[in-house]
C-alpha atoms as a PDB file:
ATOM      1  CA  MET A   1       9.073 -29.459  -3.305  1.00  0.00           C
ATOM      2  CA  LYS A   2      10.980 -26.168  -3.465  1.00  0.00           C
ATOM      3  CA  PRO A   3      10.014 -23.407  -1.143  1.00  0.00           C
ATOM      4  CA  PHE A   4       8.756 -20.021  -2.803  1.00  0.00           C
ATOM      5  CA  ARG A   5      10.887 -17.074  -1.817  1.00  0.00           C
ATOM      6  CA  PHE A   6       9.680 -13.370  -1.409  1.00  0.00           C
ATOM      7  CA  GLN A   7      11.818 -10.478  -0.065  1.00  0.00           C
ATOM      8  CA  GLN A   8      10.737 -10.750   3.524  1.00  0.00           C
ATOM      9  CA  PHE A   9       9.480 -14.244   3.883  1.00  0.00           C
ATOM     10  CA  GLU A  10       9.650 -17.865   2.390  1.00  0.00           C
ATOM     11  CA  ILE A  11       6.787 -20.321   1.841  1.00  0.00           C
ATOM     12  CA  ALA A  12       7.182 -23.944   2.249  1.00  0.00           C
ATOM     13  CA  GLN A  13       5.011 -25.997  -0.153  1.00  0.00           C
ATOM     14  CA  ASP A  14       3.684 -29.467   0.011  1.00  0.00           C
ATOM     15  CA  ALA A  15       2.190 -31.685  -2.605  1.00  0.00           C
ATOM     16  CA  ALA A  16      -0.961 -31.996  -0.292  1.00  0.00           C
ATOM     17  CA  VAL A  17      -1.802 -28.283  -0.272  1.00  0.00           C
ATOM     18  CA  PHE A  18      -2.504 -26.000  -3.169  1.00  0.00           C
ATOM     19  CA  ARG A  19       0.746 -24.330  -4.137  1.00  0.00           C
ATOM     20  CA  VAL A  20       1.558 -20.706  -4.622  1.00  0.00           C
ATOM     21  CA  GLY A  21      -0.183 -19.314  -7.739  1.00  0.00           C
ATOM     22  CA  THR A  22      -0.596 -16.029  -9.586  1.00  0.00           C
ATOM     23  CA  ASP A  23      -4.147 -15.529  -8.364  1.00  0.00           C
ATOM     24  CA  ALA A  24      -2.950 -15.586  -4.733  1.00  0.00           C
ATOM     25  CA  VAL A  25      -0.156 -13.191  -5.393  1.00  0.00           C
ATOM     26  CA  LEU A  26      -2.475 -10.665  -7.105  1.00  0.00           C
ATOM     27  CA  LEU A  27      -5.136 -10.815  -4.319  1.00  0.00           C
ATOM     28  CA  GLY A  28      -2.747 -10.234  -1.585  1.00  0.00           C
ATOM     29  CA  ALA A  29      -1.132  -7.377  -3.561  1.00  0.00           C
ATOM     30  CA  LEU A  30      -4.350  -5.649  -4.905  1.00  0.00           C
ATOM     31  CA  ALA A  31      -6.759  -5.952  -1.884  1.00  0.00           C
ATOM     32  CA  GLN A  32      -7.223  -2.769   0.225  1.00  0.00           C
ATOM     33  CA  VAL A  33      -5.734  -3.899   3.467  1.00  0.00           C
ATOM     34  CA  HIS A  34      -4.533  -0.624   5.180  1.00  0.00           C
ATOM     35  CA  HIS A  35      -7.872  -0.014   7.067  1.00  0.00           C
ATOM     36  CA  ALA A  36      -7.933  -3.433   8.446  1.00  0.00           C
ATOM     37  CA  LYS A  37      -7.140  -4.223  12.346  1.00  0.00           C
ATOM     38  CA  GLN A  38      -8.774  -7.690  12.278  1.00  0.00           C
ATOM     39  CA  VAL A  39      -8.445  -9.821   9.112  1.00  0.00           C
ATOM     40  CA  LEU A  40      -9.868 -13.324   8.236  1.00  0.00           C
ATOM     41  CA  GLU A  41      -8.611 -15.478   5.423  1.00  0.00           C
ATOM     42  CA  VAL A  42     -10.883 -18.211   4.279  1.00  0.00           C
ATOM     43  CA  GLY A  43      -9.136 -20.968   2.725  1.00  0.00           C
ATOM     44  CA  THR A  44      -5.465 -20.019   3.505  1.00  0.00           C
ATOM     45  CA  GLY A  45      -3.713 -22.891   1.769  1.00  0.00           C
ATOM     46  CA  CYS A  46       0.045 -22.317   2.174  1.00  0.00           C
ATOM     47  CA  GLY A  47      -0.676 -18.974   3.783  1.00  0.00           C
ATOM     48  CA  ILE A  48       0.718 -16.822   1.169  1.00  0.00           C
ATOM     49  CA  ILE A  49      -2.135 -14.267   1.100  1.00  0.00           C
ATOM     50  CA  SER A  50      -2.164 -13.721   4.879  1.00  0.00           C
ATOM     51  CA  LEU A  51       1.463 -13.222   4.729  1.00  0.00           C
ATOM     52  CA  MET A  52       1.334 -10.590   2.143  1.00  0.00           C
ATOM     53  CA  VAL A  53      -1.375  -8.905   4.101  1.00  0.00           C
ATOM     54  CA  ALA A  54       0.735  -8.966   7.330  1.00  0.00           C
ATOM     55  CA  GLN A  55       3.672  -7.457   5.365  1.00  0.00           C
ATOM     56  CA  ARG A  56       1.406  -4.681   3.672  1.00  0.00           C
ATOM     57  CA  ASN A  57      -0.309  -3.718   7.178  1.00  0.00           C
ATOM     58  CA  PRO A  58       1.762  -3.839  10.260  1.00  0.00           C
ATOM     59  CA  ASP A  59      -1.250  -3.038  12.355  1.00  0.00           C
ATOM     60  CA  ALA A  60      -3.290  -6.048  11.190  1.00  0.00           C
ATOM     61  CA  GLY A  61      -3.867  -9.309  13.251  1.00  0.00           C
ATOM     62  CA  ILE A  62      -4.691 -12.069  10.876  1.00  0.00           C
ATOM     63  CA  LEU A  63      -6.607 -15.437  11.412  1.00  0.00           C
ATOM     64  CA  ALA A  64      -6.239 -17.870   8.632  1.00  0.00           C
ATOM     65  CA  ILE A  65      -8.578 -20.767   8.370  1.00  0.00           C
ATOM     66  CA  ASP A  66      -8.761 -23.932   6.233  1.00  0.00           C
ATOM     67  CA  ILE A  67     -10.727 -27.087   6.023  1.00  0.00           C
ATOM     68  CA  ASN A  68      -7.645 -29.098   5.155  1.00  0.00           C
ATOM     69  CA  PRO A  69      -5.509 -29.966   8.325  1.00  0.00           C
ATOM     70  CA  ASP A  70      -2.514 -30.402   5.980  1.00  0.00           C
ATOM     71  CA  ALA A  71      -2.959 -26.664   4.901  1.00  0.00           C
ATOM     72  CA  VAL A  72      -3.354 -25.412   8.563  1.00  0.00           C
ATOM     73  CA  ALA A  73      -0.100 -27.144   9.645  1.00  0.00           C
ATOM     74  CA  LEU A  74       1.810 -25.909   6.557  1.00  0.00           C
ATOM     75  CA  SER A  75       0.492 -22.293   6.916  1.00  0.00           C
ATOM     76  CA  GLN A  76       1.297 -22.261  10.623  1.00  0.00           C
ATOM     77  CA  ASN A  77       4.764 -23.377   9.847  1.00  0.00           C
ATOM     78  CA  ASN A  78       5.193 -20.704   7.282  1.00  0.00           C
ATOM     79  CA  PHE A  79       3.717 -17.886   9.670  1.00  0.00           C
ATOM     80  CA  SER A  80       6.129 -18.996  12.560  1.00  0.00           C
ATOM     81  CA  ASN A  81       8.951 -18.498  10.179  1.00  0.00           C
ATOM     82  CA  ALA A  82       7.866 -14.962   9.048  1.00  0.00           C
ATOM     83  CA  PRO A  83       9.082 -11.738  10.640  1.00  0.00           C
ATOM     84  CA  PHE A  84       5.410 -10.835  11.436  1.00  0.00           C
ATOM     85  CA  SER A  85       4.680 -14.248  13.019  1.00  0.00           C
ATOM     86  CA  LYS A  86       3.016 -12.779  16.286  1.00  0.00           C
ATOM     87  CA  ARG A  87       0.152 -11.321  14.231  1.00  0.00           C
ATOM     88  CA  LEU A  88      -0.661 -14.580  12.321  1.00  0.00           C
ATOM     89  CA  LYS A  89      -2.579 -17.586  13.282  1.00  0.00           C
ATOM     90  CA  ALA A  90      -3.760 -20.720  11.316  1.00  0.00           C
ATOM     91  CA  GLN A  91      -6.788 -22.397  12.428  1.00  0.00           C
ATOM     92  CA  PHE A  92      -8.398 -25.713  11.193  1.00  0.00           C
ATOM     93  CA  GLN A  93     -12.005 -24.609  10.624  1.00  0.00           C
ATOM     94  CA  ASP A  94     -14.864 -25.309   8.281  1.00  0.00           C
ATOM     95  CA  TYR A  95     -16.170 -21.750   7.314  1.00  0.00           C
ATOM     96  CA  LYS A  96     -19.694 -22.868   7.435  1.00  0.00           C
ATOM     97  CA  ASN A  97     -19.466 -23.651  10.915  1.00  0.00           C
ATOM     98  CA  PHE A  98     -17.147 -20.885  12.039  1.00  0.00           C
ATOM     99  CA  THR A  99     -18.231 -18.527  14.836  1.00  0.00           C
ATOM    100  CA  SER A 100     -16.587 -15.428  16.118  1.00  0.00           C
ATOM    101  CA  ASP A 101     -17.295 -12.736  18.795  1.00  0.00           C
ATOM    102  CA  GLU A 102     -15.550 -10.050  16.917  1.00  0.00           C
ATOM    103  CA  LYS A 103     -16.197  -8.698  13.584  1.00  0.00           C
ATOM    104  CA  PHE A 104     -13.453  -8.442  10.785  1.00  0.00           C
ATOM    105  CA  ASP A 105     -12.475  -5.323   8.844  1.00  0.00           C
ATOM    106  CA  LEU A 106     -11.242  -7.573   5.869  1.00  0.00           C
ATOM    107  CA  ILE A 107     -12.382 -11.033   5.021  1.00  0.00           C
ATOM    108  CA  ILE A 108     -10.254 -12.106   2.118  1.00  0.00           C
ATOM    109  CA  SER A 109     -10.352 -15.286   0.044  1.00  0.00           C
ATOM    110  CA  ASN A 110      -9.104 -17.065  -3.156  1.00  0.00           C
ATOM    111  CA  PRO A 111     -12.143 -19.472  -3.057  1.00  0.00           C
ATOM    112  CA  PRO A 112     -12.822 -22.780  -4.817  1.00  0.00           C
ATOM    113  CA  TYR A 113     -14.367 -21.838  -8.015  1.00  0.00           C
ATOM    114  CA  PHE A 114     -14.737 -24.926 -10.183  1.00  0.00           C
ATOM    115  CA  GLU A 115     -17.929 -26.979  -9.978  1.00  0.00           C
ATOM    116  CA  VAL A 116     -17.631 -30.445  -8.435  1.00  0.00           C
ATOM    117  CA  ASN A 117     -16.019 -32.563 -11.076  1.00  0.00           C
ATOM    118  CA  LYS A 118     -14.098 -35.933 -11.508  1.00  0.00           C
ATOM    119  CA  SER A 119     -10.630 -34.252 -11.093  1.00  0.00           C
ATOM    120  CA  GLU A 120      -8.710 -35.448  -8.109  1.00  0.00           C
ATOM    121  CA  LYS A 121      -6.217 -32.558  -7.991  1.00  0.00           C
ATOM    122  CA  ASP A 122      -6.406 -30.271  -5.077  1.00  0.00           C
ATOM    123  CA  ILE A 123     -10.144 -31.183  -4.607  1.00  0.00           C
ATOM    124  CA  LEU A 124     -10.824 -28.883  -1.495  1.00  0.00           C
ATOM    125  CA  ALA A 125      -8.916 -26.041  -3.000  1.00  0.00           C
ATOM    126  CA  ARG A 126     -10.257 -26.004  -6.516  1.00  0.00           C
ATOM    127  CA  GLN A 127     -13.825 -27.321  -6.295  1.00  0.00           C
ATOM    128  CA  ARG A 128     -16.864 -26.015  -4.469  1.00  0.00           C
ATOM    129  CA  LEU A 129     -17.162 -29.282  -2.500  1.00  0.00           C
ATOM    130  CA  GLY A 130     -16.579 -27.806   1.005  1.00  0.00           C
ATOM    131  CA  LEU A 131     -17.367 -24.240   0.458  1.00  0.00           C
ATOM    132  CA  ASP A 132     -19.470 -22.790  -2.259  1.00  0.00           C
ATOM    133  CA  PHE A 133     -20.206 -19.011  -3.133  1.00  0.00           C
ATOM    134  CA  ILE A 134     -23.451 -18.895  -1.093  1.00  0.00           C
ATOM    135  CA  ASP A 135     -21.782 -20.117   2.094  1.00  0.00           C
ATOM    136  CA  LEU A 136     -18.806 -17.867   1.701  1.00  0.00           C
ATOM    137  CA  ILE A 137     -20.951 -14.756   1.309  1.00  0.00           C
ATOM    138  CA  GLN A 138     -23.665 -15.592   3.634  1.00  0.00           C
ATOM    139  CA  LYS A 139     -21.244 -16.099   6.497  1.00  0.00           C
ATOM    140  CA  SER A 140     -19.011 -13.208   5.535  1.00  0.00           C
ATOM    141  CA  ALA A 141     -22.138 -10.773   5.485  1.00  0.00           C
ATOM    142  CA  ARG A 142     -22.552 -11.600   9.188  1.00  0.00           C
ATOM    143  CA  LEU A 143     -18.873 -11.366  10.146  1.00  0.00           C
ATOM    144  CA  LEU A 144     -18.032  -8.146   8.405  1.00  0.00           C
ATOM    145  CA  SER A 145     -17.617  -4.967  10.511  1.00  0.00           C
ATOM    146  CA  ALA A 146     -19.483  -2.062   9.636  1.00  0.00           C
ATOM    147  CA  GLU A 147     -16.562  -0.579   7.435  1.00  0.00           C
ATOM    148  CA  GLY A 148     -15.290  -3.943   6.472  1.00  0.00           C
ATOM    149  CA  PHE A 149     -14.629  -5.386   3.028  1.00  0.00           C
ATOM    150  CA  LEU A 150     -14.933  -8.987   1.539  1.00  0.00           C
ATOM    151  CA  THR A 151     -12.487  -9.271  -1.217  1.00  0.00           C
ATOM    152  CA  VAL A 152     -12.062 -12.338  -3.557  1.00  0.00           C
ATOM    153  CA  ILE A 153     -10.475 -13.243  -6.840  1.00  0.00           C
ATOM    154  CA  ILE A 154     -12.652 -15.385  -9.061  1.00  0.00           C
ATOM    155  CA  PRO A 155     -13.024 -16.179 -12.816  1.00  0.00           C
ATOM    156  CA  ILE A 156     -14.697 -13.367 -14.601  1.00  0.00           C
ATOM    157  CA  GLU A 157     -17.488 -15.540 -15.879  1.00  0.00           C
ATOM    158  CA  SER A 158     -18.620 -16.025 -12.229  1.00  0.00           C
ATOM    159  CA  GLU A 159     -18.671 -12.350 -11.504  1.00  0.00           C
ATOM    160  CA  LYS A 160     -22.382 -11.838 -12.192  1.00  0.00           C
ATOM    161  CA  LYS A 161     -23.490 -14.627 -10.169  1.00  0.00           C
ATOM    162  CA  PHE A 162     -21.165 -13.647  -7.160  1.00  0.00           C
ATOM    163  CA  THR A 163     -22.284 -10.257  -7.287  1.00  0.00           C
ATOM    164  CA  ARG A 164     -25.986 -11.143  -7.321  1.00  0.00           C
ATOM    165  CA  ILE A 165     -25.633 -13.514  -4.102  1.00  0.00           C
ATOM    166  CA  CYS A 166     -23.717 -10.746  -2.511  1.00  0.00           C
ATOM    167  CA  PHE A 167     -26.574  -8.370  -3.171  1.00  0.00           C
ATOM    168  CA  ASP A 168     -29.070 -10.708  -1.851  1.00  0.00           C
ATOM    169  CA  ASN A 169     -27.122 -10.610   1.224  1.00  0.00           C
ATOM    170  CA  GLN A 170     -26.986  -6.886   1.516  1.00  0.00           C
ATOM    171  CA  LEU A 171     -23.243  -6.800   0.225  1.00  0.00           C
ATOM    172  CA  PHE A 172     -22.420  -4.175  -2.437  1.00  0.00           C
ATOM    173  CA  ILE A 173     -19.927  -3.944  -5.020  1.00  0.00           C
ATOM    174  CA  ARG A 174     -17.521  -1.050  -4.441  1.00  0.00           C
ATOM    175  CA  ARG A 175     -14.482  -2.141  -6.555  1.00  0.00           C
ATOM    176  CA  LYS A 176     -13.546  -4.460  -9.414  1.00  0.00           C
ATOM    177  CA  ILE A 177     -10.331  -5.182 -11.095  1.00  0.00           C
ATOM    178  CA  ASN A 178     -10.416  -7.047 -14.412  1.00  0.00           C
ATOM    179  CA  ILE A 179      -7.244  -9.164 -14.755  1.00  0.00           C
ATOM    180  CA  LYS A 180      -5.777  -9.709 -18.103  1.00  0.00           C
ATOM    181  CA  GLY A 181      -3.049 -12.472 -18.309  1.00  0.00           C
ATOM    182  CA  ILE A 182      -1.554 -10.598 -21.297  1.00  0.00           C
ATOM    183  CA  LEU A 183      -2.050  -7.149 -23.089  1.00  0.00           C
ATOM    184  CA  ASN A 184      -4.863  -7.161 -25.554  1.00  0.00           C
ATOM    185  CA  ALA A 185      -6.352 -10.519 -24.259  1.00  0.00           C
ATOM    186  CA  GLU A 186      -9.833 -10.791 -22.622  1.00  0.00           C
ATOM    187  CA  PRO A 187      -9.800 -10.717 -18.974  1.00  0.00           C
ATOM    188  CA  LYS A 188      -9.742 -14.216 -17.232  1.00  0.00           C
ATOM    189  CA  ARG A 189      -9.845 -13.335 -13.567  1.00  0.00           C
ATOM    190  CA  VAL A 190     -11.378 -10.480 -11.591  1.00  0.00           C
ATOM    191  CA  VAL A 191     -10.712  -9.095  -8.006  1.00  0.00           C
ATOM    192  CA  LEU A 192     -13.873  -7.860  -6.572  1.00  0.00           C
ATOM    193  CA  GLU A 193     -14.492  -5.895  -3.258  1.00  0.00           C
ATOM    194  CA  TYR A 194     -17.851  -5.735  -1.453  1.00  0.00           C
ATOM    195  CA  SER A 195     -19.062  -3.788   1.436  1.00  0.00           C
ATOM    196  CA  LEU A 196     -22.257  -3.550   3.743  1.00  0.00           C
ATOM    197  CA  LYS A 197     -22.449   0.203   2.448  1.00  0.00           C
ATOM    198  CA  GLN A 198     -23.610   1.224  -1.005  1.00  0.00           C
ATOM    199  CA  SER A 199     -21.374   3.327  -3.026  1.00  0.00           C
ATOM    200  CA  LYS A 200     -20.600   4.101  -6.658  1.00  0.00           C
ATOM    201  CA  PRO A 201     -18.434   1.070  -7.725  1.00  0.00           C
ATOM    202  CA  ILE A 202     -14.930   1.689  -9.299  1.00  0.00           C
ATOM    203  CA  THR A 203     -13.806  -0.568 -12.189  1.00  0.00           C
ATOM    204  CA  GLU A 204     -10.080  -0.896 -13.028  1.00  0.00           C
ATOM    205  CA  GLU A 205      -8.041  -3.050 -15.432  1.00  0.00           C
ATOM    206  CA  PHE A 206      -4.784  -4.859 -14.618  1.00  0.00           C
ATOM    207  CA  VAL A 207      -2.253  -6.391 -17.148  1.00  0.00           C
ATOM    208  CA  ILE A 208       0.051  -9.047 -15.686  1.00  0.00           C
ATOM    209  CA  GLU A 209       2.244  -9.411 -19.036  1.00  0.00           C
ATOM    210  CA  LYS A 210       2.930  -6.910 -21.790  1.00  0.00           C
ATOM    211  CA  MET A 211       4.079  -9.664 -23.955  1.00  0.00           C
ATOM    212  CA  PRO A 212       4.589 -13.440 -23.697  1.00  0.00           C
ATOM    213  CA  ARG A 213       6.766 -14.143 -20.445  1.00  0.00           C
ATOM    214  CA  VAL A 214       7.581 -10.613 -19.950  1.00  0.00           C
ATOM    215  CA  TYR A 215       5.817  -8.876 -16.817  1.00  0.00           C
ATOM    216  CA  SER A 216       3.827  -5.540 -17.375  1.00  0.00           C
ATOM    217  CA  ASP A 217       5.257  -2.375 -15.696  1.00  0.00           C
ATOM    218  CA  GLU A 218       2.204  -2.334 -13.551  1.00  0.00           C
ATOM    219  CA  TYR A 219       2.803  -5.906 -12.406  1.00  0.00           C
ATOM    220  CA  LEU A 220       6.506  -5.130 -11.536  1.00  0.00           C
ATOM    221  CA  GLU A 221       5.367  -1.953  -9.670  1.00  0.00           C
ATOM    222  CA  LEU A 222       2.654  -3.740  -7.689  1.00  0.00           C
ATOM    223  CA  THR A 223       4.872  -6.620  -6.503  1.00  0.00           C
ATOM    224  CA  LYS A 224       8.087  -4.707  -6.048  1.00  0.00           C
ATOM    225  CA  ASP A 225       7.960  -5.163  -2.500  1.00  0.00           C
ATOM    226  CA  PHE A 226       7.608  -9.023  -2.714  1.00  0.00           C
ATOM    227  CA  HIS A 227       9.177 -10.638  -5.764  1.00  0.00           C
ATOM    228  CA  LEU A 228      12.961 -10.997  -5.917  1.00  0.00           C
ATOM    229  CA  PHE A 229      12.925  -9.690  -9.409  1.00  0.00           C
ATOM    230  CA  ASN A 230      13.421 -11.530 -12.420  1.00  0.00           C
ATOM    231  CA  LYS A 231      11.510  -9.321 -14.791  1.00  0.00           C
ATOM    232  CA  LYS A 232      10.463 -12.175 -17.022  1.00  0.00           C
ATOM    233  CA  ALA A 233       7.325 -14.260 -15.921  1.00  0.00           C
ATOM    234  CA  PRO A 234       7.899 -17.547 -14.546  1.00  0.00           C
END
């Protein structure tokens, strides 16, 4: 399988691990990361989100965990070949059993969001088999620092349920970004940011393509430090 190339790093991919996708790129580029010294990525896959965070924040130390040992091996290999390898570590962990003496300033995840189904494609990465929203939120609420954020990307139809579970665990919505695949379409994904502190939430909108297979100006601007541009959508 061909590697995925960004300006500062390359990502080896494997059929046994969920590949680089638009959701991961958006989360890695849109998440607020500059405040974070200690970062935890839950369900790292090939490691792209952690690598993007490391590039954007030169002060961040990042621990990336996954329940799939193939993903851990792949992401650690990708970390080792990156220019910021010393600040990145991959670890085989089930988040439900994960413990840490330190708190994290950012917990970031592109979590499994399909209900358990008969599909055999990328089961752990796609289906809420190994990690559901409740597990993710409850553990994150305990591991966040006082100023920390939990940031995720999920389907927009799951937003109300996710936010309700967060509220039940004393995590409050502070920012949401509705993601449109194309201009004038309905949003399909949403980036959500939660904090232990209540504040007036900010709502934004982001468009990936201004017309079929042509990136929007805002997407080009957002990813200008990553993509090797080609201004048409892949």
